[in-house]
């Protein structure tokens, strides 16, 4: 039985989107053409891969079993084309977590990573979708479970987090603060906490009951609102350059020190040489700058750190 890769790719995109119209759009074909490809694949396999009904599109049990090897087949086909004809383009890397300036870290490894084309993902779900679709080669930001099947990641950097307060905050004069000392303060967040995993877990762990949210219009706007309200505080990685906003105070957090984890994320089976170069450059800088040191007795992470394997 010989599989038609266009049909397999149509199946994979539809399985990821669970919507025929959106899947067709990502492939730049009509919905009718997509449906025909999947129908031919189902006919060849002699079984249904999707359940179609009033509740939308769902994978059948056969479809769920077929999806992982189908993804691998698509990745292998793409790699075969690259091996045969070459691909002279930069590695496409999206970053997210923009308020915390992920470009700072990539800038320190860019020299050893080859040519990069950097983009801006909206958030982790948007970036994982782009990776699974093959629209980008890698991504950089904070990874937290659960990740979709077909993706892998490697921890790159653990960065201490400071509290940024108004100079009029009652604790602003302290040389350092324990996170639980902020329980009576208001955690200022650049969006709803249920979409901001690190801040949500910090609030739960240290008993921060009072939170307020802002529209993310950049670090200057975000921290200006902190400076204007004596009860607010924000969490910012220690190495992020703070804007010249009057009335701000940055105070280290201790006992424990929260750490923000930056990771490199990619689609399994991605064989692009540039991805190996980027991972190696990250590992080299992490060793030189001691980015991955972690002492659970003194520091806090929402989940235990794991570096994971490198790109295959």
C-alpha atoms as a PDB file:
ATOM      1  CA  UNK A   1       0.000   0.000   0.000  1.00  0.00           C
ATOM      2  CA  UNK A   2       1.534   3.321  -1.106  1.00  0.00           C
ATOM      3  CA  UNK A   3       0.422   6.441   0.751  1.00  0.00           C
ATOM      4  CA  UNK A   4      -0.074   9.745  -1.041  1.00  0.00           C
ATOM      5  CA  UNK A   5       1.780  12.340   1.052  1.00  0.00           C
ATOM      6  CA  UNK A   6      -0.633  15.117   0.043  1.00  0.00           C
ATOM      7  CA  UNK A   7      -3.445  13.041   1.512  1.00  0.00           C
ATOM      8  CA  UNK A   8      -1.455  12.252   4.664  1.00  0.00           C
ATOM      9  CA  UNK A   9      -0.587  15.948   5.101  1.00  0.00           C
ATOM     10  CA  UNK A  10      -4.272  16.844   4.689  1.00  0.00           C
ATOM     11  CA  UNK A  11      -5.145  14.330   7.396  1.00  0.00           C
ATOM     12  CA  UNK A  12      -2.497  15.663   9.806  1.00  0.00           C
ATOM     13  CA  UNK A  13      -3.564  19.287   9.403  1.00  0.00           C
ATOM     14  CA  UNK A  14      -7.235  18.383   9.879  1.00  0.00           C
ATOM     15  CA  UNK A  15      -6.426  16.281  12.938  1.00  0.00           C
ATOM     16  CA  UNK A  16      -4.577  19.253  14.453  1.00  0.00           C
ATOM     17  CA  UNK A  17      -7.289  21.788  13.670  1.00  0.00           C
ATOM     18  CA  UNK A  18     -10.348  19.506  14.032  1.00  0.00           C
ATOM     19  CA  UNK A  19     -11.943  21.879  11.537  1.00  0.00           C
ATOM     20  CA  UNK A  20     -11.981  21.282   7.777  1.00  0.00           C
ATOM     21  CA  UNK A  21     -12.154  24.959   6.830  1.00  0.00           C
ATOM     22  CA  UNK A  22      -9.204  26.025   8.986  1.00  0.00           C
ATOM     23  CA  UNK A  23      -7.135  23.025   7.894  1.00  0.00           C
ATOM     24  CA  UNK A  24      -7.795  23.808   4.237  1.00  0.00           C
ATOM     25  CA  UNK A  25      -6.726  27.405   4.837  1.00  0.00           C
ATOM     26  CA  UNK A  26      -3.385  26.355   6.289  1.00  0.00           C
ATOM     27  CA  UNK A  27      -2.735  24.232   3.179  1.00  0.00           C
ATOM     28  CA  UNK A  28      -3.905  26.957   0.773  1.00  0.00           C
ATOM     29  CA  UNK A  29      -6.452  24.619  -0.837  1.00  0.00           C
ATOM     30  CA  UNK A  30     -10.244  24.607  -0.924  1.00  0.00           C
ATOM     31  CA  UNK A  31     -12.250  22.762   1.700  1.00  0.00           C
ATOM     32  CA  UNK A  32     -13.667  20.585  -1.069  1.00  0.00           C
ATOM     33  CA  UNK A  33     -10.169  19.560  -2.185  1.00  0.00           C
ATOM     34  CA  UNK A  34      -9.206  18.797   1.427  1.00  0.00           C
ATOM     35  CA  UNK A  35     -12.296  16.631   1.918  1.00  0.00           C
ATOM     36  CA  UNK A  36     -11.544  14.709  -1.267  1.00  0.00           C
ATOM     37  CA  UNK A  37      -7.966  13.982  -0.165  1.00  0.00           C
ATOM     38  CA  UNK A  38      -9.108  12.656   3.187  1.00  0.00           C
ATOM     39  CA  UNK A  39     -11.905  10.608   1.606  1.00  0.00           C
ATOM     40  CA  UNK A  40      -9.384   8.991  -0.758  1.00  0.00           C
ATOM     41  CA  UNK A  41      -7.039   8.236   2.147  1.00  0.00           C
ATOM     42  CA  UNK A  42      -9.880   6.661   4.134  1.00  0.00           C
ATOM     43  CA  UNK A  43     -10.851   4.611   1.085  1.00  0.00           C
ATOM     44  CA  UNK A  44      -7.275   3.392   0.659  1.00  0.00           C
ATOM     45  CA  UNK A  45      -7.010   2.450   4.342  1.00  0.00           C
ATOM     46  CA  UNK A  46     -10.479   0.924   4.377  1.00  0.00           C
ATOM     47  CA  UNK A  47     -11.522   2.770   7.532  1.00  0.00           C
ATOM     48  CA  UNK A  48     -12.802   6.137   8.748  1.00  0.00           C
ATOM     49  CA  UNK A  49     -10.298   8.506  10.326  1.00  0.00           C
ATOM     50  CA  UNK A  50     -12.776  11.199  11.405  1.00  0.00           C
ATOM     51  CA  UNK A  51     -16.220  11.290  12.924  1.00  0.00           C
ATOM     52  CA  UNK A  52     -18.252  14.079  11.363  1.00  0.00           C
ATOM     53  CA  UNK A  53     -21.436  15.260  13.036  1.00  0.00           C
ATOM     54  CA  UNK A  54     -23.341  18.047  14.714  1.00  0.00           C
ATOM     55  CA  UNK A  55     -20.728  18.232  17.473  1.00  0.00           C
ATOM     56  CA  UNK A  56     -17.943  18.983  15.016  1.00  0.00           C
ATOM     57  CA  UNK A  57     -15.059  16.865  13.785  1.00  0.00           C
ATOM     58  CA  UNK A  58     -13.393  14.238  15.966  1.00  0.00           C
ATOM     59  CA  UNK A  59     -10.772  11.587  15.364  1.00  0.00           C
ATOM     60  CA  UNK A  60     -11.889   7.984  15.395  1.00  0.00           C
ATOM     61  CA  UNK A  61      -9.865   5.481  17.388  1.00  0.00           C
ATOM     62  CA  UNK A  62      -8.118   4.523  14.124  1.00  0.00           C
ATOM     63  CA  UNK A  63      -7.434   8.193  13.442  1.00  0.00           C
ATOM     64  CA  UNK A  64      -5.823   8.621  16.859  1.00  0.00           C
ATOM     65  CA  UNK A  65      -3.542   5.644  16.222  1.00  0.00           C
ATOM     66  CA  UNK A  66      -2.700   6.858  12.723  1.00  0.00           C
ATOM     67  CA  UNK A  67      -1.817  10.446  13.727  1.00  0.00           C
ATOM     68  CA  UNK A  68       1.645   9.988  15.351  1.00  0.00           C
ATOM     69  CA  UNK A  69       3.171   7.927  12.489  1.00  0.00           C
ATOM     70  CA  UNK A  70       1.431  10.192   9.967  1.00  0.00           C
ATOM     71  CA  UNK A  71       3.197  13.204  11.511  1.00  0.00           C
ATOM     72  CA  UNK A  72       6.491  11.337  11.304  1.00  0.00           C
ATOM     73  CA  UNK A  73       5.835  10.483   7.649  1.00  0.00           C
ATOM     74  CA  UNK A  74       5.173  14.140   6.781  1.00  0.00           C
ATOM     75  CA  UNK A  75       8.332  15.248   8.628  1.00  0.00           C
ATOM     76  CA  UNK A  76      10.382  12.562   6.852  1.00  0.00           C
ATOM     77  CA  UNK A  77       8.999  13.627   3.477  1.00  0.00           C
ATOM     78  CA  UNK A  78       9.917  17.255   4.157  1.00  0.00           C
ATOM     79  CA  UNK A  79      13.408  16.195   5.263  1.00  0.00           C
ATOM     80  CA  UNK A  80      13.833  14.118   2.096  1.00  0.00           C
ATOM     81  CA  UNK A  81      13.005  17.123  -0.079  1.00  0.00           C
ATOM     82  CA  UNK A  82      15.505  19.278   1.798  1.00  0.00           C
ATOM     83  CA  UNK A  83      18.188  16.582   1.467  1.00  0.00           C
ATOM     84  CA  UNK A  84      17.611  16.328  -2.265  1.00  0.00           C
ATOM     85  CA  UNK A  85      17.282  19.949  -3.309  1.00  0.00           C
ATOM     86  CA  UNK A  86      18.696  21.844  -0.311  1.00  0.00           C
ATOM     87  CA  UNK A  87      17.075  24.688   1.536  1.00  0.00           C
ATOM     88  CA  UNK A  88      19.014  27.919   1.577  1.00  0.00           C
ATOM     89  CA  UNK A  89      17.086  29.927   4.155  1.00  0.00           C
ATOM     90  CA  UNK A  90      17.571  31.021   7.760  1.00  0.00           C
ATOM     91  CA  UNK A  91      16.227  28.983  10.650  1.00  0.00           C
ATOM     92  CA  UNK A  92      12.771  30.355  11.461  1.00  0.00           C
ATOM     93  CA  UNK A  93      12.466  30.966  15.217  1.00  0.00           C
ATOM     94  CA  UNK A  94       9.485  32.491  17.020  1.00  0.00           C
ATOM     95  CA  UNK A  95       9.728  33.891  20.536  1.00  0.00           C
ATOM     96  CA  UNK A  96       6.995  34.535  23.085  1.00  0.00           C
ATOM     97  CA  UNK A  97       6.807  36.054  26.550  1.00  0.00           C
ATOM     98  CA  UNK A  98       7.691  39.427  25.035  1.00  0.00           C
ATOM     99  CA  UNK A  99       7.275  41.426  28.229  1.00  0.00           C
ATOM    100  CA  UNK A 100      10.254  39.498  29.631  1.00  0.00           C
ATOM    101  CA  UNK A 101      12.435  40.242  26.578  1.00  0.00           C
ATOM    102  CA  UNK A 102      13.335  36.746  25.283  1.00  0.00           C
ATOM    103  CA  UNK A 103      15.540  38.332  22.612  1.00  0.00           C
ATOM    104  CA  UNK A 104      18.127  39.097  25.344  1.00  0.00           C
ATOM    105  CA  UNK A 105      18.964  35.418  25.628  1.00  0.00           C
ATOM    106  CA  UNK A 106      18.877  34.670  21.903  1.00  0.00           C
ATOM    107  CA  UNK A 107      21.164  37.644  21.271  1.00  0.00           C
ATOM    108  CA  UNK A 108      23.823  35.984  23.423  1.00  0.00           C
ATOM    109  CA  UNK A 109      23.785  32.773  21.380  1.00  0.00           C
ATOM    110  CA  UNK A 110      23.079  34.143  17.916  1.00  0.00           C
ATOM    111  CA  UNK A 111      26.738  34.268  16.909  1.00  0.00           C
ATOM    112  CA  UNK A 112      27.103  30.495  17.145  1.00  0.00           C
ATOM    113  CA  UNK A 113      23.676  29.572  15.847  1.00  0.00           C
ATOM    114  CA  UNK A 114      23.916  30.454  12.158  1.00  0.00           C
ATOM    115  CA  UNK A 115      21.435  32.718  10.394  1.00  0.00           C
ATOM    116  CA  UNK A 116      18.122  33.156  12.221  1.00  0.00           C
ATOM    117  CA  UNK A 117      14.846  34.675  11.042  1.00  0.00           C
ATOM    118  CA  UNK A 118      13.115  35.811  14.246  1.00  0.00           C
ATOM    119  CA  UNK A 119       9.369  36.199  14.574  1.00  0.00           C
ATOM    120  CA  UNK A 120       6.961  37.043  17.387  1.00  0.00           C
ATOM    121  CA  UNK A 121       4.500  34.415  18.532  1.00  0.00           C
ATOM    122  CA  UNK A 122       1.429  35.496  20.474  1.00  0.00           C
ATOM    123  CA  UNK A 123       1.688  32.829  23.180  1.00  0.00           C
ATOM    124  CA  UNK A 124       2.653  29.189  23.724  1.00  0.00           C
ATOM    125  CA  UNK A 125      -0.494  27.690  22.081  1.00  0.00           C
ATOM    126  CA  UNK A 126      -0.029  29.848  18.971  1.00  0.00           C
ATOM    127  CA  UNK A 127       3.651  28.886  18.761  1.00  0.00           C
ATOM    128  CA  UNK A 128       3.001  25.155  19.157  1.00  0.00           C
ATOM    129  CA  UNK A 129       0.424  25.322  16.358  1.00  0.00           C
ATOM    130  CA  UNK A 130       2.948  27.061  14.088  1.00  0.00           C
ATOM    131  CA  UNK A 131       5.567  24.396  14.881  1.00  0.00           C
ATOM    132  CA  UNK A 132       3.221  21.489  14.187  1.00  0.00           C
ATOM    133  CA  UNK A 133       2.206  23.090  10.898  1.00  0.00           C
ATOM    134  CA  UNK A 134       5.841  23.523   9.872  1.00  0.00           C
ATOM    135  CA  UNK A 135       5.428  27.292   9.612  1.00  0.00           C
ATOM    136  CA  UNK A 136       8.456  27.772  11.908  1.00  0.00           C
ATOM    137  CA  UNK A 137      11.443  25.563  12.792  1.00  0.00           C
ATOM    138  CA  UNK A 138      11.902  26.340  16.494  1.00  0.00           C
ATOM    139  CA  UNK A 139      10.630  28.578  19.249  1.00  0.00           C
ATOM    140  CA  UNK A 140      11.980  30.134  22.429  1.00  0.00           C
ATOM    141  CA  UNK A 141      10.109  31.028  25.618  1.00  0.00           C
ATOM    142  CA  UNK A 142       8.656  29.482  28.766  1.00  0.00           C
ATOM    143  CA  UNK A 143       7.316  25.949  28.205  1.00  0.00           C
ATOM    144  CA  UNK A 144       4.806  24.357  30.544  1.00  0.00           C
ATOM    145  CA  UNK A 145       2.785  21.152  30.293  1.00  0.00           C
ATOM    146  CA  UNK A 146       0.844  19.788  28.633  1.00  0.00           C
ATOM    147  CA  UNK A 147       2.566  20.080  25.256  1.00  0.00           C
ATOM    148  CA  UNK A 148       0.952  18.602  22.137  1.00  0.00           C
ATOM    149  CA  UNK A 149       2.334  15.312  20.871  1.00  0.00           C
ATOM    150  CA  UNK A 150       5.074  15.718  18.310  1.00  0.00           C
ATOM    151  CA  UNK A 151       6.972  18.489  20.124  1.00  0.00           C
ATOM    152  CA  UNK A 152      10.122  18.393  22.241  1.00  0.00           C
ATOM    153  CA  UNK A 153      11.960  21.005  24.280  1.00  0.00           C
ATOM    154  CA  UNK A 154      15.255  21.638  26.034  1.00  0.00           C
ATOM    155  CA  UNK A 155      15.750  23.877  29.055  1.00  0.00           C
ATOM    156  CA  UNK A 156      18.116  26.731  28.187  1.00  0.00           C
ATOM    157  CA  UNK A 157      18.115  29.212  31.062  1.00  0.00           C
ATOM    158  CA  UNK A 158      16.843  29.596  34.626  1.00  0.00           C
ATOM    159  CA  UNK A 159      16.585  33.297  35.421  1.00  0.00           C
ATOM    160  CA  UNK A 160      16.046  34.809  38.907  1.00  0.00           C
ATOM    161  CA  UNK A 161      12.966  36.988  39.214  1.00  0.00           C
ATOM    162  CA  UNK A 162      12.770  40.315  41.063  1.00  0.00           C
ATOM    163  CA  UNK A 163       9.784  42.165  42.480  1.00  0.00           C
ATOM    164  CA  UNK A 164       9.276  45.599  40.937  1.00  0.00           C
ATOM    165  CA  UNK A 165       7.425  47.973  43.248  1.00  0.00           C
ATOM    166  CA  UNK A 166       6.339  51.557  43.456  1.00  0.00           C
ATOM    167  CA  UNK A 167       8.828  53.610  45.426  1.00  0.00           C
ATOM    168  CA  UNK A 168       5.845  54.387  47.731  1.00  0.00           C
ATOM    169  CA  UNK A 169       5.154  50.711  48.438  1.00  0.00           C
ATOM    170  CA  UNK A 170       5.522  49.916  52.185  1.00  0.00           C
ATOM    171  CA  UNK A 171       8.218  47.325  51.379  1.00  0.00           C
ATOM    172  CA  UNK A 172      10.116  49.334  48.771  1.00  0.00           C
ATOM    173  CA  UNK A 173      13.003  50.155  51.102  1.00  0.00           C
ATOM    174  CA  UNK A 174      13.758  46.520  51.936  1.00  0.00           C
ATOM    175  CA  UNK A 175      17.078  45.192  50.535  1.00  0.00           C
ATOM    176  CA  UNK A 176      15.395  41.872  49.694  1.00  0.00           C
ATOM    177  CA  UNK A 177      11.971  40.268  50.151  1.00  0.00           C
ATOM    178  CA  UNK A 178      10.577  36.807  50.683  1.00  0.00           C
ATOM    179  CA  UNK A 179       7.731  36.116  48.229  1.00  0.00           C
ATOM    180  CA  UNK A 180       5.267  35.540  51.073  1.00  0.00           C
ATOM    181  CA  UNK A 181       5.879  39.095  52.326  1.00  0.00           C
ATOM    182  CA  UNK A 182       3.927  40.255  49.259  1.00  0.00           C
ATOM    183  CA  UNK A 183       0.698  38.539  50.330  1.00  0.00           C
ATOM    184  CA  UNK A 184      -1.025  41.812  51.165  1.00  0.00           C
ATOM    185  CA  UNK A 185       0.084  43.447  47.911  1.00  0.00           C
ATOM    186  CA  UNK A 186      -1.558  43.349  44.487  1.00  0.00           C
ATOM    187  CA  UNK A 187       0.123  41.263  41.778  1.00  0.00           C
ATOM    188  CA  UNK A 188      -0.007  43.304  38.558  1.00  0.00           C
ATOM    189  CA  UNK A 189      -0.216  41.023  35.510  1.00  0.00           C
ATOM    190  CA  UNK A 190      -0.171  41.745  31.751  1.00  0.00           C
ATOM    191  CA  UNK A 191      -3.288  39.631  31.163  1.00  0.00           C
ATOM    192  CA  UNK A 192      -5.621  37.123  32.802  1.00  0.00           C
ATOM    193  CA  UNK A 193      -3.759  34.805  35.184  1.00  0.00           C
ATOM    194  CA  UNK A 194      -5.297  31.682  33.667  1.00  0.00           C
ATOM    195  CA  UNK A 195      -3.294  32.487  30.512  1.00  0.00           C
ATOM    196  CA  UNK A 196      -0.073  33.301  32.384  1.00  0.00           C
ATOM    197  CA  UNK A 197       1.128  30.025  33.873  1.00  0.00           C
ATOM    198  CA  UNK A 198       4.156  31.349  35.791  1.00  0.00           C
ATOM    199  CA  UNK A 199       2.283  34.188  37.503  1.00  0.00           C
ATOM    200  CA  UNK A 200      -0.695  31.952  38.246  1.00  0.00           C
ATOM    201  CA  UNK A 201       1.513  29.352  39.945  1.00  0.00           C
ATOM    202  CA  UNK A 202       3.468  32.024  41.842  1.00  0.00           C
ATOM    203  CA  UNK A 203       0.244  33.462  43.251  1.00  0.00           C
ATOM    204  CA  UNK A 204      -0.972  30.016  44.298  1.00  0.00           C
ATOM    205  CA  UNK A 205       2.332  28.980  45.858  1.00  0.00           C
ATOM    206  CA  UNK A 206       2.891  32.120  47.927  1.00  0.00           C
ATOM    207  CA  UNK A 207      -0.693  32.966  48.840  1.00  0.00           C
ATOM    208  CA  UNK A 208      -1.098  36.109  46.743  1.00  0.00           C
ATOM    209  CA  UNK A 209      -4.846  36.717  46.905  1.00  0.00           C
ATOM    210  CA  UNK A 210      -5.043  40.125  45.240  1.00  0.00           C
ATOM    211  CA  UNK A 211      -4.344  40.418  41.527  1.00  0.00           C
ATOM    212  CA  UNK A 212      -5.113  42.950  38.823  1.00  0.00           C
ATOM    213  CA  UNK A 213      -4.565  42.824  35.093  1.00  0.00           C
ATOM    214  CA  UNK A 214      -3.399  45.212  32.418  1.00  0.00           C
ATOM    215  CA  UNK A 215      -3.402  45.234  28.640  1.00  0.00           C
ATOM    216  CA  UNK A 216       0.089  44.297  27.435  1.00  0.00           C
ATOM    217  CA  UNK A 217       1.280  47.446  25.666  1.00  0.00           C
ATOM    218  CA  UNK A 218       4.934  46.905  26.475  1.00  0.00           C
ATOM    219  CA  UNK A 219       7.137  47.071  29.549  1.00  0.00           C
ATOM    220  CA  UNK A 220       7.109  50.876  29.836  1.00  0.00           C
ATOM    221  CA  UNK A 221       3.313  51.043  29.989  1.00  0.00           C
ATOM    222  CA  UNK A 222       3.105  47.992  32.245  1.00  0.00           C
ATOM    223  CA  UNK A 223       5.555  49.275  34.861  1.00  0.00           C
ATOM    224  CA  UNK A 224       4.227  52.849  34.729  1.00  0.00           C
ATOM    225  CA  UNK A 225       0.993  51.446  36.156  1.00  0.00           C
ATOM    226  CA  UNK A 226       3.003  49.801  38.958  1.00  0.00           C
ATOM    227  CA  UNK A 227       4.708  53.082  39.825  1.00  0.00           C
ATOM    228  CA  UNK A 228       1.324  54.838  40.077  1.00  0.00           C
ATOM    229  CA  UNK A 229      -0.152  52.459  42.677  1.00  0.00           C
ATOM    230  CA  UNK A 230       1.647  51.919  46.043  1.00  0.00           C
ATOM    231  CA  UNK A 231       0.108  48.469  46.660  1.00  0.00           C
ATOM    232  CA  UNK A 232       1.040  46.892  43.321  1.00  0.00           C
ATOM    233  CA  UNK A 233       4.031  44.780  42.426  1.00  0.00           C
ATOM    234  CA  UNK A 234       5.148  43.007  39.271  1.00  0.00           C
ATOM    235  CA  UNK A 235       7.520  40.109  38.643  1.00  0.00           C
ATOM    236  CA  UNK A 236      10.317  40.723  36.148  1.00  0.00           C
ATOM    237  CA  UNK A 237      13.407  38.583  35.406  1.00  0.00           C
ATOM    238  CA  UNK A 238      16.452  40.145  37.048  1.00  0.00           C
ATOM    239  CA  UNK A 239      18.373  40.769  33.824  1.00  0.00           C
ATOM    240  CA  UNK A 240      15.549  42.575  32.002  1.00  0.00           C
ATOM    241  CA  UNK A 241      16.603  46.223  31.563  1.00  0.00           C
ATOM    242  CA  UNK A 242      13.943  48.329  33.279  1.00  0.00           C
ATOM    243  CA  UNK A 243      12.616  51.398  31.474  1.00  0.00           C
ATOM    244  CA  UNK A 244      13.311  54.864  32.822  1.00  0.00           C
ATOM    245  CA  UNK A 245      10.014  55.100  34.702  1.00  0.00           C
ATOM    246  CA  UNK A 246      10.144  57.452  37.721  1.00  0.00           C
ATOM    247  CA  UNK A 247       9.154  56.010  41.083  1.00  0.00           C
ATOM    248  CA  UNK A 248      10.120  52.354  40.527  1.00  0.00           C
ATOM    249  CA  UNK A 249      12.143  50.094  42.810  1.00  0.00           C
ATOM    250  CA  UNK A 250      13.437  46.616  41.915  1.00  0.00           C
ATOM    251  CA  UNK A 251      13.911  44.320  44.928  1.00  0.00           C
ATOM    252  CA  UNK A 252      15.472  40.815  44.815  1.00  0.00           C
ATOM    253  CA  UNK A 253      13.302  37.921  46.002  1.00  0.00           C
ATOM    254  CA  UNK A 254      14.889  35.376  48.364  1.00  0.00           C
ATOM    255  CA  UNK A 255      13.997  32.362  50.518  1.00  0.00           C
ATOM    256  CA  UNK A 256      13.138  31.133  47.923  1.00  0.00           C
ATOM    257  CA  UNK A 257      14.176  32.975  44.774  1.00  0.00           C
ATOM    258  CA  UNK A 258      11.659  32.341  41.966  1.00  0.00           C
ATOM    259  CA  UNK A 259      13.232  31.245  38.684  1.00  0.00           C
ATOM    260  CA  UNK A 260      11.790  31.841  35.229  1.00  0.00           C
ATOM    261  CA  UNK A 261      12.594  28.938  32.893  1.00  0.00           C
ATOM    262  CA  UNK A 262      13.414  29.620  29.235  1.00  0.00           C
ATOM    263  CA  UNK A 263      13.347  26.683  26.804  1.00  0.00           C
ATOM    264  CA  UNK A 264      13.993  25.909  23.164  1.00  0.00           C
ATOM    265  CA  UNK A 265      11.041  24.129  21.545  1.00  0.00           C
ATOM    266  CA  UNK A 266      10.908  22.227  18.236  1.00  0.00           C
ATOM    267  CA  UNK A 267       8.964  19.629  16.277  1.00  0.00           C
ATOM    268  CA  UNK A 268      10.324  16.107  16.690  1.00  0.00           C
ATOM    269  CA  UNK A 269      11.877  14.774  13.521  1.00  0.00           C
ATOM    270  CA  UNK A 270      13.049  18.222  12.385  1.00  0.00           C
ATOM    271  CA  UNK A 271      16.415  17.505  10.747  1.00  0.00           C
ATOM    272  CA  UNK A 272      17.466  21.035   9.812  1.00  0.00           C
ATOM    273  CA  UNK A 273      21.165  21.535  10.614  1.00  0.00           C
ATOM    274  CA  UNK A 274      20.501  25.046  11.899  1.00  0.00           C
ATOM    275  CA  UNK A 275      18.385  23.631  14.701  1.00  0.00           C
ATOM    276  CA  UNK A 276      21.334  21.568  15.962  1.00  0.00           C
ATOM    277  CA  UNK A 277      23.554  24.662  15.786  1.00  0.00           C
ATOM    278  CA  UNK A 278      21.079  26.743  17.793  1.00  0.00           C
ATOM    279  CA  UNK A 279      20.709  24.044  20.472  1.00  0.00           C
ATOM    280  CA  UNK A 280      24.478  23.660  20.714  1.00  0.00           C
ATOM    281  CA  UNK A 281      25.000  27.431  21.000  1.00  0.00           C
ATOM    282  CA  UNK A 282      22.402  27.584  23.797  1.00  0.00           C
ATOM    283  CA  UNK A 283      24.096  24.720  25.668  1.00  0.00           C
ATOM    284  CA  UNK A 284      27.537  26.325  25.301  1.00  0.00           C
ATOM    285  CA  UNK A 285      26.359  29.692  26.638  1.00  0.00           C
ATOM    286  CA  UNK A 286      24.434  28.004  29.451  1.00  0.00           C
ATOM    287  CA  UNK A 287      27.632  26.314  30.595  1.00  0.00           C
ATOM    288  CA  UNK A 288      29.711  29.472  30.282  1.00  0.00           C
ATOM    289  CA  UNK A 289      27.194  31.743  32.045  1.00  0.00           C
ATOM    290  CA  UNK A 290      25.921  29.139  34.560  1.00  0.00           C
ATOM    291  CA  UNK A 291      22.366  29.555  33.311  1.00  0.00           C
ATOM    292  CA  UNK A 292      21.132  26.181  34.542  1.00  0.00           C
ATOM    293  CA  UNK A 293      22.261  26.190  38.168  1.00  0.00           C
ATOM    294  CA  UNK A 294      19.381  25.227  40.457  1.00  0.00           C
ATOM    295  CA  UNK A 295      19.257  24.716  44.221  1.00  0.00           C
ATOM    296  CA  UNK A 296      15.774  23.644  45.379  1.00  0.00           C
ATOM    297  CA  UNK A 297      16.665  24.621  48.950  1.00  0.00           C
ATOM    298  CA  UNK A 298      17.070  28.281  47.925  1.00  0.00           C
ATOM    299  CA  UNK A 299      15.117  28.626  44.686  1.00  0.00           C
ATOM    300  CA  UNK A 300      11.586  27.932  43.418  1.00  0.00           C
ATOM    301  CA  UNK A 301      10.341  26.653  40.080  1.00  0.00           C
ATOM    302  CA  UNK A 302       6.721  25.843  39.241  1.00  0.00           C
ATOM    303  CA  UNK A 303       7.904  22.397  38.102  1.00  0.00           C
ATOM    304  CA  UNK A 304      11.258  20.606  38.451  1.00  0.00           C
ATOM    305  CA  UNK A 305      13.736  21.538  35.703  1.00  0.00           C
ATOM    306  CA  UNK A 306      14.482  19.046  32.939  1.00  0.00           C
ATOM    307  CA  UNK A 307      16.777  19.697  30.025  1.00  0.00           C
ATOM    308  CA  UNK A 308      15.470  16.945  27.772  1.00  0.00           C
ATOM    309  CA  UNK A 309      17.268  15.554  24.728  1.00  0.00           C
ATOM    310  CA  UNK A 310      18.576  17.670  21.911  1.00  0.00           C
ATOM    311  CA  UNK A 311      16.986  17.866  18.447  1.00  0.00           C
ATOM    312  CA  UNK A 312      16.978  14.543  16.633  1.00  0.00           C
END
